Amino acid sequence: MNSQSFAPLLQNLFGELVFGSPDPKSRTYMLNRGDSGLLASLDRLSAAQASVRQEGSASIAAHADHLRYSFSLLNRWATGTLPPIDQMDWTVSWRKTTVTDAEWEALRAELRRESAAWSEVIRTPREVSEIEAGWIMGSVAHVAYHLGAMRQIERTARGPSAEDEARIEAELRGS
């Protein structure tokens, strides 16, 4: 199948989650209006905040590294350089639980680079198998899950509230 029929919608959803809504007045599908998305949310956090683990849960740094690893594999698939399944080690992406300031900056830069590359892959129509279409579509849900998990760990990573959304909506209606 050709991804042309679903590429624009998936690009919009992925872009909203990762890069945020460009304008508080624009329509959103996943996040509240004015939400800056994953990357800007992570930029607001210090390395210490990203390294916190609560009750045995993964840290934000671990979630971010897991997403970075996921996108790196998807980007390698898109360029035809995906390693054999036995060389993929998903456990590695969960081992970076604490980060220094320099490591946190580097991790965010790598996540930003891999996200931008994957965004371009999603945007570009291509012939895909049913499994590959599932990878593309699943990547949007995967980001949504991890963004939500990170926002549960650290309050300052959260976006605008439902009340903020209602206020913006009322302003748009002229109320």
N, C-alpha and C. Protein backbone atom coordinates (compact mmCIF):
# COMPACT_ATOMS: atom_id res chain seq x y z
N MET A 1 0.84 -1.18 0.00
CA MET A 1 0.00 0.00 0.00
C MET A 1 0.88 1.24 0.00
N ASN A 2 0.30 2.33 -0.45
CA ASN A 2 1.06 3.57 -0.47
C ASN A 2 0.61 4.43 0.72
N SER A 3 1.57 5.00 1.42
CA SER A 3 1.26 5.79 2.61
C SER A 3 0.69 7.17 2.28
N GLN A 4 0.58 7.50 1.01
CA GLN A 4 0.10 8.81 0.61
C GLN A 4 -1.27 9.14 1.20
N SER A 5 -2.13 8.12 1.34
CA SER A 5 -3.48 8.38 1.84
C SER A 5 -3.51 8.75 3.32
N PHE A 6 -2.53 8.31 4.09
CA PHE A 6 -2.56 8.62 5.53
C PHE A 6 -1.38 9.47 6.00
N ALA A 7 -0.40 9.71 5.15
CA ALA A 7 0.80 10.47 5.55
C ALA A 7 0.49 11.87 6.08
N PRO A 8 -0.36 12.66 5.42
CA PRO A 8 -0.61 14.03 5.93
C PRO A 8 -1.23 14.04 7.33
N LEU A 9 -2.20 13.16 7.58
CA LEU A 9 -2.84 13.13 8.89
C LEU A 9 -1.85 12.67 9.96
N LEU A 10 -1.10 11.62 9.68
CA LEU A 10 -0.13 11.14 10.66
C LEU A 10 0.95 12.20 10.92
N GLN A 11 1.36 12.92 9.89
CA GLN A 11 2.33 13.99 10.06
C GLN A 11 1.78 15.06 10.99
N ASN A 12 0.51 15.42 10.82
CA ASN A 12 -0.10 16.41 11.70
C ASN A 12 -0.13 15.93 13.15
N LEU A 13 -0.54 14.69 13.36
CA LEU A 13 -0.62 14.15 14.71
C LEU A 13 0.75 14.04 15.36
N PHE A 14 1.71 13.49 14.62
CA PHE A 14 3.07 13.35 15.13
C PHE A 14 3.67 14.73 15.43
N GLY A 15 3.51 15.65 14.49
CA GLY A 15 4.05 17.00 14.67
C GLY A 15 3.47 17.69 15.88
N GLU A 16 2.19 17.53 16.09
CA GLU A 16 1.55 18.15 17.25
C GLU A 16 2.14 17.59 18.54
N LEU A 17 2.29 16.28 18.61
CA LEU A 17 2.82 15.66 19.82
C LEU A 17 4.27 16.06 20.08
N VAL A 18 5.08 16.05 19.06
CA VAL A 18 6.52 16.26 19.24
C VAL A 18 6.90 17.73 19.23
N PHE A 19 6.34 18.49 18.30
CA PHE A 19 6.75 19.88 18.11
C PHE A 19 5.73 20.89 18.65
N GLY A 20 4.56 20.40 19.06
CA GLY A 20 3.53 21.26 19.63
C GLY A 20 2.64 21.87 18.58
N SER A 21 1.62 22.57 19.07
CA SER A 21 0.72 23.26 18.14
C SER A 21 1.34 24.62 17.84
N PRO A 22 1.46 24.95 16.56
CA PRO A 22 2.19 26.17 16.18
C PRO A 22 1.52 27.46 16.63
N ASP A 23 0.24 27.42 16.86
CA ASP A 23 -0.52 28.62 17.19
C ASP A 23 -1.62 28.23 18.17
N PRO A 24 -1.76 28.95 19.28
CA PRO A 24 -2.81 28.60 20.24
C PRO A 24 -4.21 28.63 19.64
N LYS A 25 -4.36 29.29 18.52
CA LYS A 25 -5.68 29.38 17.89
C LYS A 25 -5.92 28.26 16.87
N SER A 26 -4.88 27.49 16.55
CA SER A 26 -5.03 26.44 15.54
C SER A 26 -5.71 25.21 16.13
N ARG A 27 -6.35 24.46 15.26
CA ARG A 27 -7.02 23.22 15.67
C ARG A 27 -5.98 22.20 16.13
N THR A 28 -6.32 21.46 17.16
CA THR A 28 -5.46 20.38 17.62
C THR A 28 -6.29 19.10 17.70
N TYR A 29 -5.60 17.97 17.66
CA TYR A 29 -6.26 16.68 17.71
C TYR A 29 -5.84 15.85 18.92
N MET A 30 -4.63 16.08 19.40
CA MET A 30 -4.09 15.24 20.47
C MET A 30 -3.88 16.02 21.77
N LEU A 31 -3.37 17.22 21.65
CA LEU A 31 -3.02 18.03 22.81
C LEU A 31 -3.94 19.24 22.91
N ASN A 32 -3.99 19.86 24.06
CA ASN A 32 -4.74 21.10 24.20
C ASN A 32 -4.07 22.19 23.38
N ARG A 33 -4.85 23.14 22.94
CA ARG A 33 -4.31 24.27 22.18
C ARG A 33 -3.22 24.97 22.98
N GLY A 34 -2.21 25.41 22.27
CA GLY A 34 -1.11 26.12 22.92
C GLY A 34 -0.08 25.21 23.58
N ASP A 35 -0.27 23.89 23.48
CA ASP A 35 0.68 22.95 24.08
C ASP A 35 1.94 22.92 23.23
N SER A 36 3.08 23.03 23.87
CA SER A 36 4.35 23.11 23.15
C SER A 36 4.90 21.75 22.73
N GLY A 37 4.29 20.66 23.15
CA GLY A 37 4.70 19.34 22.73
C GLY A 37 5.88 18.77 23.50
N LEU A 38 6.29 17.60 23.07
CA LEU A 38 7.32 16.82 23.75
C LEU A 38 8.65 17.56 23.89
N LEU A 39 9.21 18.01 22.79
CA LEU A 39 10.57 18.55 22.83
C LEU A 39 10.66 19.80 23.70
N ALA A 40 9.73 20.71 23.56
CA ALA A 40 9.75 21.92 24.39
C ALA A 40 9.48 21.59 25.85
N SER A 41 8.64 20.58 26.10
CA SER A 41 8.39 20.17 27.48
C SER A 41 9.67 19.65 28.13
N LEU A 42 10.43 18.87 27.38
CA LEU A 42 11.70 18.34 27.91
C LEU A 42 12.72 19.46 28.10
N ASP A 43 12.69 20.46 27.23
CA ASP A 43 13.61 21.59 27.35
C ASP A 43 13.39 22.37 28.64
N ARG A 44 12.20 22.29 29.20
CA ARG A 44 11.90 23.01 30.46
C ARG A 44 12.44 22.28 31.69
N LEU A 45 12.92 21.07 31.52
CA LEU A 45 13.36 20.26 32.65
C LEU A 45 14.87 20.28 32.81
N SER A 46 15.30 20.28 34.05
CA SER A 46 16.73 20.15 34.34
C SER A 46 17.13 18.68 34.27
N ALA A 47 18.41 18.43 34.26
CA ALA A 47 18.90 17.05 34.29
C ALA A 47 18.45 16.35 35.57
N ALA A 48 18.44 17.07 36.67
CA ALA A 48 18.00 16.49 37.94
C ALA A 48 16.53 16.08 37.87
N GLN A 49 15.68 16.93 37.30
CA GLN A 49 14.27 16.59 37.15
C GLN A 49 14.10 15.38 36.23
N ALA A 50 14.88 15.33 35.16
CA ALA A 50 14.78 14.23 34.20
C ALA A 50 15.28 12.91 34.80
N SER A 51 16.04 12.97 35.86
CA SER A 51 16.63 11.78 36.47
C SER A 51 15.82 11.21 37.63
N VAL A 52 14.78 11.88 38.04
CA VAL A 52 13.97 11.43 39.18
C VAL A 52 13.23 10.15 38.81
N ARG A 53 13.24 9.21 39.76
CA ARG A 53 12.47 7.96 39.61
C ARG A 53 11.56 7.86 40.82
N GLN A 54 10.29 7.63 40.57
CA GLN A 54 9.32 7.50 41.65
C GLN A 54 8.81 6.08 41.74
N GLU A 55 8.91 5.50 42.93
CA GLU A 55 8.39 4.15 43.19
C GLU A 55 8.79 3.13 42.14
N GLY A 56 10.05 3.15 41.75
CA GLY A 56 10.54 2.16 40.81
C GLY A 56 10.18 2.41 39.36
N SER A 57 9.54 3.53 39.07
CA SER A 57 9.18 3.81 37.68
C SER A 57 10.40 4.32 36.91
N ALA A 58 10.27 4.34 35.61
CA ALA A 58 11.35 4.86 34.77
C ALA A 58 11.44 6.37 34.92
N SER A 59 12.61 6.89 34.75
CA SER A 59 12.80 8.34 34.80
C SER A 59 12.41 8.95 33.45
N ILE A 60 12.25 10.25 33.43
CA ILE A 60 11.98 10.95 32.17
C ILE A 60 13.15 10.75 31.22
N ALA A 61 14.37 10.76 31.74
CA ALA A 61 15.54 10.53 30.89
C ALA A 61 15.44 9.17 30.21
N ALA A 62 14.98 8.15 30.93
CA ALA A 62 14.84 6.82 30.34
C ALA A 62 13.75 6.82 29.26
N HIS A 63 12.63 7.46 29.52
CA HIS A 63 11.58 7.57 28.51
C HIS A 63 12.11 8.29 27.26
N ALA A 64 12.83 9.39 27.46
CA ALA A 64 13.37 10.16 26.34
C ALA A 64 14.37 9.31 25.54
N ASP A 65 15.23 8.57 26.23
CA ASP A 65 16.20 7.75 25.54
C ASP A 65 15.51 6.61 24.80
N HIS A 66 14.45 6.07 25.37
CA HIS A 66 13.68 5.01 24.72
C HIS A 66 13.06 5.54 23.41
N LEU A 67 12.50 6.74 23.45
CA LEU A 67 11.94 7.33 22.22
C LEU A 67 13.04 7.59 21.20
N ARG A 68 14.17 8.10 21.66
CA ARG A 68 15.30 8.35 20.76
C ARG A 68 15.72 7.06 20.05
N TYR A 69 15.85 5.99 20.82
CA TYR A 69 16.23 4.70 20.25
C TYR A 69 15.18 4.21 19.26
N SER A 70 13.92 4.33 19.62
CA SER A 70 12.83 3.90 18.74
C SER A 70 12.89 4.64 17.41
N PHE A 71 13.03 5.97 17.47
CA PHE A 71 13.09 6.75 16.24
C PHE A 71 14.34 6.42 15.44
N SER A 72 15.45 6.13 16.12
CA SER A 72 16.67 5.80 15.39
C SER A 72 16.48 4.51 14.60
N LEU A 73 15.78 3.53 15.18
CA LEU A 73 15.52 2.29 14.45
C LEU A 73 14.56 2.53 13.29
N LEU A 74 13.51 3.31 13.53
CA LEU A 74 12.57 3.61 12.45
C LEU A 74 13.25 4.38 11.32
N ASN A 75 14.12 5.30 11.67
CA ASN A 75 14.85 6.04 10.64
C ASN A 75 15.79 5.13 9.86
N ARG A 76 16.37 4.17 10.55
CA ARG A 76 17.25 3.21 9.86
C ARG A 76 16.42 2.32 8.93
N TRP A 77 15.23 1.93 9.37
CA TRP A 77 14.34 1.16 8.49
C TRP A 77 14.04 1.97 7.22
N ALA A 78 13.74 3.25 7.40
CA ALA A 78 13.37 4.11 6.26
C ALA A 78 14.50 4.28 5.27
N THR A 79 15.73 4.17 5.73
CA THR A 79 16.88 4.31 4.83
C THR A 79 17.44 2.95 4.39
N GLY A 80 16.78 1.89 4.82
CA GLY A 80 17.22 0.56 4.41
C GLY A 80 18.40 0.02 5.18
N THR A 81 18.67 0.58 6.36
CA THR A 81 19.83 0.13 7.14
C THR A 81 19.44 -0.44 8.51
N LEU A 82 18.22 -0.94 8.60
CA LEU A 82 17.76 -1.52 9.86
C LEU A 82 18.60 -2.74 10.20
N PRO A 83 19.12 -2.80 11.44
CA PRO A 83 19.93 -3.97 11.81
C PRO A 83 19.04 -5.21 11.95
N PRO A 84 19.64 -6.37 11.86
CA PRO A 84 18.87 -7.60 12.08
C PRO A 84 18.22 -7.58 13.46
N ILE A 85 17.10 -8.24 13.59
CA ILE A 85 16.32 -8.25 14.83
C ILE A 85 17.18 -8.65 16.03
N ASP A 86 18.10 -9.59 15.84
CA ASP A 86 18.91 -10.05 16.96
C ASP A 86 19.96 -9.03 17.41
N GLN A 87 20.13 -7.95 16.64
CA GLN A 87 21.06 -6.89 17.03
C GLN A 87 20.34 -5.71 17.69
N MET A 88 19.01 -5.76 17.74
CA MET A 88 18.25 -4.70 18.41
C MET A 88 18.13 -5.05 19.88
N ASP A 89 18.45 -4.12 20.73
CA ASP A 89 18.39 -4.36 22.17
C ASP A 89 17.57 -3.27 22.83
N TRP A 90 16.28 -3.51 22.97
CA TRP A 90 15.37 -2.52 23.55
C TRP A 90 15.70 -2.24 25.02
N THR A 91 16.34 -3.18 25.69
CA THR A 91 16.66 -2.95 27.10
C THR A 91 17.67 -1.83 27.27
N VAL A 92 18.53 -1.64 26.25
CA VAL A 92 19.53 -0.57 26.32
C VAL A 92 18.85 0.79 26.45
N SER A 93 17.73 0.94 25.78
CA SER A 93 17.06 2.24 25.78
C SER A 93 16.42 2.58 27.12
N TRP A 94 16.38 1.66 28.03
CA TRP A 94 15.82 1.94 29.36
C TRP A 94 16.90 2.06 30.44
N ARG A 95 18.16 1.91 30.08
CA ARG A 95 19.25 1.92 31.07
C ARG A 95 19.71 3.31 31.47
N LYS A 96 19.45 4.30 30.65
CA LYS A 96 19.89 5.67 30.97
C LYS A 96 18.85 6.29 31.89
N THR A 97 18.98 6.01 33.18
CA THR A 97 17.97 6.49 34.13
C THR A 97 18.34 7.83 34.74
N THR A 98 19.63 8.11 34.83
CA THR A 98 20.07 9.41 35.36
C THR A 98 21.00 10.05 34.33
N VAL A 99 20.95 11.38 34.30
CA VAL A 99 21.77 12.12 33.34
C VAL A 99 22.40 13.33 34.01
N THR A 100 23.59 13.67 33.56
CA THR A 100 24.23 14.92 33.96
C THR A 100 23.65 16.03 33.09
N ASP A 101 24.00 17.26 33.38
CA ASP A 101 23.54 18.38 32.54
C ASP A 101 23.96 18.18 31.10
N ALA A 102 25.21 17.81 30.87
CA ALA A 102 25.73 17.62 29.52
C ALA A 102 25.04 16.43 28.82
N GLU A 103 24.83 15.35 29.55
CA GLU A 103 24.15 14.18 28.98
C GLU A 103 22.70 14.51 28.62
N TRP A 104 22.03 15.27 29.48
CA TRP A 104 20.64 15.65 29.23
C TRP A 104 20.55 16.54 27.99
N GLU A 105 21.46 17.46 27.86
CA GLU A 105 21.49 18.32 26.67
C GLU A 105 21.73 17.49 25.42
N ALA A 106 22.67 16.57 25.48
CA ALA A 106 22.98 15.71 24.33
C ALA A 106 21.80 14.80 23.99
N LEU A 107 21.16 14.23 25.00
CA LEU A 107 20.03 13.34 24.77
C LEU A 107 18.88 14.10 24.09
N ARG A 108 18.60 15.30 24.57
CA ARG A 108 17.53 16.10 23.96
C ARG A 108 17.88 16.47 22.52
N ALA A 109 19.14 16.77 22.25
CA ALA A 109 19.56 17.09 20.88
C ALA A 109 19.41 15.87 19.97
N GLU A 110 19.79 14.70 20.46
CA GLU A 110 19.67 13.47 19.66
C GLU A 110 18.20 13.14 19.42
N LEU A 111 17.36 13.30 20.45
CA LEU A 111 15.93 13.05 20.31
C LEU A 111 15.33 14.03 19.30
N ARG A 112 15.72 15.27 19.37
CA ARG A 112 15.24 16.29 18.42
C ARG A 112 15.64 15.90 16.98
N ARG A 113 16.89 15.49 16.80
CA ARG A 113 17.36 15.11 15.46
C ARG A 113 16.61 13.88 14.93
N GLU A 114 16.49 12.85 15.75
CA GLU A 114 15.79 11.63 15.33
C GLU A 114 14.30 11.90 15.08
N SER A 115 13.69 12.75 15.91
CA SER A 115 12.28 13.10 15.73
C SER A 115 12.07 13.85 14.42
N ALA A 116 12.94 14.79 14.12
CA ALA A 116 12.82 15.56 12.88
C ALA A 116 12.99 14.65 11.67
N ALA A 117 13.94 13.73 11.75
CA ALA A 117 14.15 12.80 10.64
C ALA A 117 12.94 11.90 10.45
N TRP A 118 12.38 11.41 11.56
CA TRP A 118 11.20 10.54 11.47
C TRP A 118 10.00 11.33 10.96
N SER A 119 9.88 12.56 11.35
CA SER A 119 8.81 13.42 10.87
C SER A 119 8.85 13.53 9.35
N GLU A 120 10.05 13.65 8.81
CA GLU A 120 10.22 13.73 7.36
C GLU A 120 9.85 12.40 6.71
N VAL A 121 10.19 11.29 7.34
CA VAL A 121 9.82 9.98 6.81
C VAL A 121 8.30 9.85 6.74
N ILE A 122 7.63 10.23 7.82
CA ILE A 122 6.17 10.13 7.86
C ILE A 122 5.56 11.00 6.76
N ARG A 123 6.11 12.17 6.56
CA ARG A 123 5.59 13.13 5.58
C ARG A 123 5.73 12.63 4.14
N THR A 124 6.74 11.82 3.87
CA THR A 124 7.06 11.40 2.52
C THR A 124 6.31 10.12 2.15
N PRO A 125 5.38 10.20 1.19
CA PRO A 125 4.66 8.99 0.79
C PRO A 125 5.61 7.91 0.25
N ARG A 126 5.29 6.66 0.57
CA ARG A 126 6.13 5.54 0.14
C ARG A 126 5.28 4.28 0.11
N GLU A 127 5.74 3.30 -0.62
CA GLU A 127 5.11 1.99 -0.61
C GLU A 127 5.51 1.28 0.68
N VAL A 128 4.51 0.76 1.39
CA VAL A 128 4.78 0.08 2.65
C VAL A 128 3.93 -1.19 2.74
N SER A 129 4.45 -2.15 3.47
CA SER A 129 3.67 -3.35 3.77
C SER A 129 2.70 -3.02 4.90
N GLU A 130 1.82 -3.93 5.20
CA GLU A 130 0.89 -3.73 6.31
C GLU A 130 1.65 -3.58 7.63
N ILE A 131 2.69 -4.35 7.81
CA ILE A 131 3.49 -4.26 9.03
C ILE A 131 4.18 -2.90 9.11
N GLU A 132 4.75 -2.45 8.01
CA GLU A 132 5.43 -1.16 7.99
C GLU A 132 4.45 -0.01 8.23
N ALA A 133 3.25 -0.11 7.67
CA ALA A 133 2.22 0.90 7.94
C ALA A 133 1.89 0.92 9.43
N GLY A 134 1.87 -0.25 10.03
CA GLY A 134 1.64 -0.34 11.47
C GLY A 134 2.74 0.33 12.27
N TRP A 135 3.99 0.18 11.83
CA TRP A 135 5.11 0.86 12.50
C TRP A 135 4.93 2.37 12.43
N ILE A 136 4.58 2.85 11.25
CA ILE A 136 4.41 4.30 11.07
C ILE A 136 3.27 4.82 11.96
N MET A 137 2.14 4.17 11.89
CA MET A 137 0.98 4.61 12.68
C MET A 137 1.24 4.43 14.17
N GLY A 138 1.86 3.31 14.51
CA GLY A 138 2.15 3.04 15.91
C GLY A 138 3.11 4.04 16.53
N SER A 139 3.96 4.64 15.70
CA SER A 139 4.92 5.62 16.24
C SER A 139 4.21 6.82 16.84
N VAL A 140 3.06 7.18 16.29
CA VAL A 140 2.30 8.31 16.83
C VAL A 140 1.74 7.95 18.21
N ALA A 141 1.14 6.77 18.31
CA ALA A 141 0.61 6.32 19.60
C ALA A 141 1.74 6.15 20.62
N HIS A 142 2.88 5.68 20.17
CA HIS A 142 4.03 5.46 21.04
C HIS A 142 4.49 6.78 21.67
N VAL A 143 4.59 7.83 20.86
CA VAL A 143 4.97 9.14 21.39
C VAL A 143 3.92 9.64 22.38
N ALA A 144 2.64 9.49 22.02
CA ALA A 144 1.57 9.96 22.91
C ALA A 144 1.66 9.27 24.28
N TYR A 145 1.89 7.97 24.27
CA TYR A 145 2.01 7.24 25.54
C TYR A 145 3.15 7.79 26.38
N HIS A 146 4.34 7.90 25.78
CA HIS A 146 5.50 8.33 26.56
C HIS A 146 5.42 9.79 26.99
N LEU A 147 4.84 10.64 26.16
CA LEU A 147 4.64 12.03 26.57
C LEU A 147 3.73 12.07 27.79
N GLY A 148 2.65 11.32 27.76
CA GLY A 148 1.75 11.26 28.92
C GLY A 148 2.44 10.71 30.16
N ALA A 149 3.23 9.67 29.98
CA ALA A 149 3.95 9.09 31.13
C ALA A 149 4.92 10.09 31.73
N MET A 150 5.65 10.80 30.88
CA MET A 150 6.62 11.79 31.39
C MET A 150 5.91 12.93 32.10
N ARG A 151 4.76 13.32 31.59
CA ARG A 151 4.02 14.41 32.21
C ARG A 151 3.40 13.98 33.54
N GLN A 152 3.19 12.72 33.73
CA GLN A 152 2.74 12.24 35.03
C GLN A 152 3.89 12.24 36.04
N ILE A 153 5.09 12.02 35.58
CA ILE A 153 6.25 12.01 36.46
C ILE A 153 6.60 13.41 36.94
N GLU A 154 6.57 14.38 36.02
CA GLU A 154 7.01 15.74 36.37
C GLU A 154 5.97 16.77 35.92
N ARG A 155 5.38 17.43 36.90
CA ARG A 155 4.32 18.40 36.66
C ARG A 155 4.74 19.53 35.72
N THR A 156 5.97 20.01 35.80
CA THR A 156 6.40 21.14 34.96
C THR A 156 6.54 20.76 33.49
N ALA A 157 6.44 19.47 33.17
CA ALA A 157 6.49 19.03 31.77
C ALA A 157 5.10 19.06 31.13
N ARG A 158 4.09 19.33 31.92
CA ARG A 158 2.72 19.31 31.41
C ARG A 158 2.42 20.52 30.55
N GLY A 159 1.44 20.34 29.69
CA GLY A 159 0.99 21.41 28.81
C GLY A 159 -0.17 22.16 29.43
N PRO A 160 -0.86 22.97 28.62
CA PRO A 160 -2.01 23.73 29.10
C PRO A 160 -3.12 22.79 29.61
N SER A 161 -3.83 23.24 30.60
CA SER A 161 -4.92 22.44 31.17
C SER A 161 -6.19 22.55 30.34
N ALA A 162 -7.18 21.75 30.69
CA ALA A 162 -8.48 21.82 30.02
C ALA A 162 -9.11 23.20 30.24
N GLU A 163 -8.86 23.80 31.41
CA GLU A 163 -9.38 25.14 31.68
C GLU A 163 -8.74 26.16 30.74
N ASP A 164 -7.44 26.01 30.49
CA ASP A 164 -6.75 26.88 29.54
C ASP A 164 -7.36 26.71 28.15
N GLU A 165 -7.62 25.48 27.77
CA GLU A 165 -8.23 25.18 26.47
C GLU A 165 -9.60 25.85 26.36
N ALA A 166 -10.41 25.78 27.42
CA ALA A 166 -11.75 26.39 27.42
C ALA A 166 -11.64 27.92 27.30
N ARG A 167 -10.66 28.50 27.96
CA ARG A 167 -10.47 29.95 27.88
C ARG A 167 -10.10 30.37 26.47
N ILE A 168 -9.21 29.63 25.85
CA ILE A 168 -8.81 29.93 24.47
C ILE A 168 -10.00 29.79 23.54
N GLU A 169 -10.78 28.74 23.73
CA GLU A 169 -11.97 28.50 22.89
C GLU A 169 -12.95 29.65 23.03
N ALA A 170 -13.16 30.12 24.27
CA ALA A 170 -14.08 31.24 24.51
C ALA A 170 -13.56 32.52 23.83
N GLU A 171 -12.26 32.74 23.90
CA GLU A 171 -11.67 33.91 23.24
C GLU A 171 -11.85 33.84 21.73
N LEU A 172 -11.74 32.65 21.17
CA LEU A 172 -11.91 32.49 19.72
C LEU A 172 -13.34 32.75 19.28
N ARG A 173 -14.29 32.39 20.16
CA ARG A 173 -15.71 32.62 19.85
C ARG A 173 -16.11 34.06 20.11
N GLY A 174 -15.22 34.82 20.75
CA GLY A 174 -15.50 36.22 21.06
C GLY A 174 -16.34 36.41 22.30
N SER A 175 -16.36 35.39 23.15
CA SER A 175 -17.17 35.46 24.39
C SER A 175 -16.44 36.20 25.47
